[in-house]
């Protein structure tokens, strides 16, 4: 849960840094992957503990991309 809060804080900082809507794309991707994994678990009847590492890795990738966005300003056209 605290990783999700870190994601939100980083998205807000990236938004204010100048990335605007592009900062929210990572949150949308994370939510989409989590939804697809949950639906797959429900359809197959697979236990959540078997697919738990996948959303965790997605969160880490999203946090990494948001940190990169926070550290770099967007290039102006």
Protein backbone atom coordinates (compact mmCIF):
# COMPACT_ATOMS: atom_id res chain seq x y z
CA UNK A 1 0.00 0.00 0.00
CA UNK A 2 2.79 2.42 0.80
CA UNK A 3 4.27 1.83 -2.66
CA UNK A 4 1.01 3.11 -4.17
CA UNK A 5 1.28 6.25 -2.06
CA UNK A 6 4.86 6.72 -3.28
CA UNK A 7 3.58 6.39 -6.85
CA UNK A 8 0.94 9.05 -6.29
CA UNK A 9 3.38 11.46 -4.66
CA UNK A 10 5.89 10.98 -7.48
CA UNK A 11 3.14 11.50 -10.07
CA UNK A 12 2.17 14.80 -8.41
CA UNK A 13 5.79 15.94 -8.32
CA UNK A 14 6.30 14.94 -11.96
CA UNK A 15 3.10 16.79 -12.91
CA UNK A 16 4.37 19.95 -11.23
CA UNK A 17 7.79 19.48 -12.82
CA UNK A 18 6.16 19.94 -16.21
CA UNK A 19 5.31 16.44 -17.41
CA UNK A 20 1.53 17.07 -17.06
CA UNK A 21 -0.68 14.22 -18.32
CA UNK A 22 2.31 12.02 -19.18
CA UNK A 23 2.96 11.63 -15.45
CA UNK A 24 -0.43 9.93 -15.12
CA UNK A 25 0.22 7.36 -17.87
CA UNK A 26 2.28 5.18 -15.53
CA UNK A 27 -0.51 5.11 -12.96
CA UNK A 28 -2.97 4.10 -15.67
CA UNK A 29 -0.69 1.34 -16.92
CA UNK A 30 -0.26 0.02 -13.40
CA UNK A 31 -4.02 0.01 -12.81
CA UNK A 32 -4.62 -1.73 -16.16
CA UNK A 33 -2.08 -4.47 -15.47
CA UNK A 34 -3.50 -5.02 -11.98
CA UNK A 35 -7.00 -5.30 -13.45
CA UNK A 36 -5.92 -7.80 -16.09
CA UNK A 37 -4.07 -9.93 -13.55
CA UNK A 38 -7.07 -9.91 -11.23
CA UNK A 39 -9.40 -10.89 -14.05
CA UNK A 40 -7.04 -13.66 -15.09
CA UNK A 41 -6.92 -14.97 -11.54
CA UNK A 42 -10.71 -14.94 -11.32
CA UNK A 43 -11.19 -16.74 -14.63
CA UNK A 44 -8.58 -19.44 -14.02
CA UNK A 45 -9.24 -19.84 -10.31
CA UNK A 46 -5.53 -19.43 -9.68
CA UNK A 47 -4.47 -18.36 -6.20
CA UNK A 48 -3.38 -14.76 -5.87
CA UNK A 49 -0.15 -15.78 -4.14
CA UNK A 50 1.15 -17.29 -7.41
CA UNK A 51 0.75 -14.05 -9.35
CA UNK A 52 1.70 -11.66 -6.53
CA UNK A 53 5.27 -10.95 -7.81
CA UNK A 54 4.02 -9.61 -11.14
CA UNK A 55 2.12 -6.55 -9.82
CA UNK A 56 5.01 -5.86 -7.44
CA UNK A 57 7.43 -5.72 -10.37
CA UNK A 58 5.04 -3.47 -12.30
CA UNK A 59 4.90 -1.10 -9.32
CA UNK A 60 8.68 -1.00 -9.14
CA UNK A 61 8.97 -0.22 -12.86
CA UNK A 62 6.36 2.55 -12.55
CA UNK A 63 8.17 4.05 -9.57
CA UNK A 64 11.46 3.91 -11.48
CA UNK A 65 9.95 5.72 -14.46
CA UNK A 66 8.35 8.35 -12.22
CA UNK A 67 11.65 8.93 -10.42
CA UNK A 68 13.28 9.44 -13.82
CA UNK A 69 10.57 11.95 -14.72
CA UNK A 70 11.05 13.79 -11.42
CA UNK A 71 14.80 14.03 -11.91
CA UNK A 72 14.61 15.25 -15.52
CA UNK A 73 12.55 18.08 -16.88
CA UNK A 74 10.71 17.42 -20.15
CA UNK A 75 12.42 18.64 -23.26
CA UNK A 76 10.57 21.58 -24.76
CA UNK A 77 9.68 21.42 -28.43
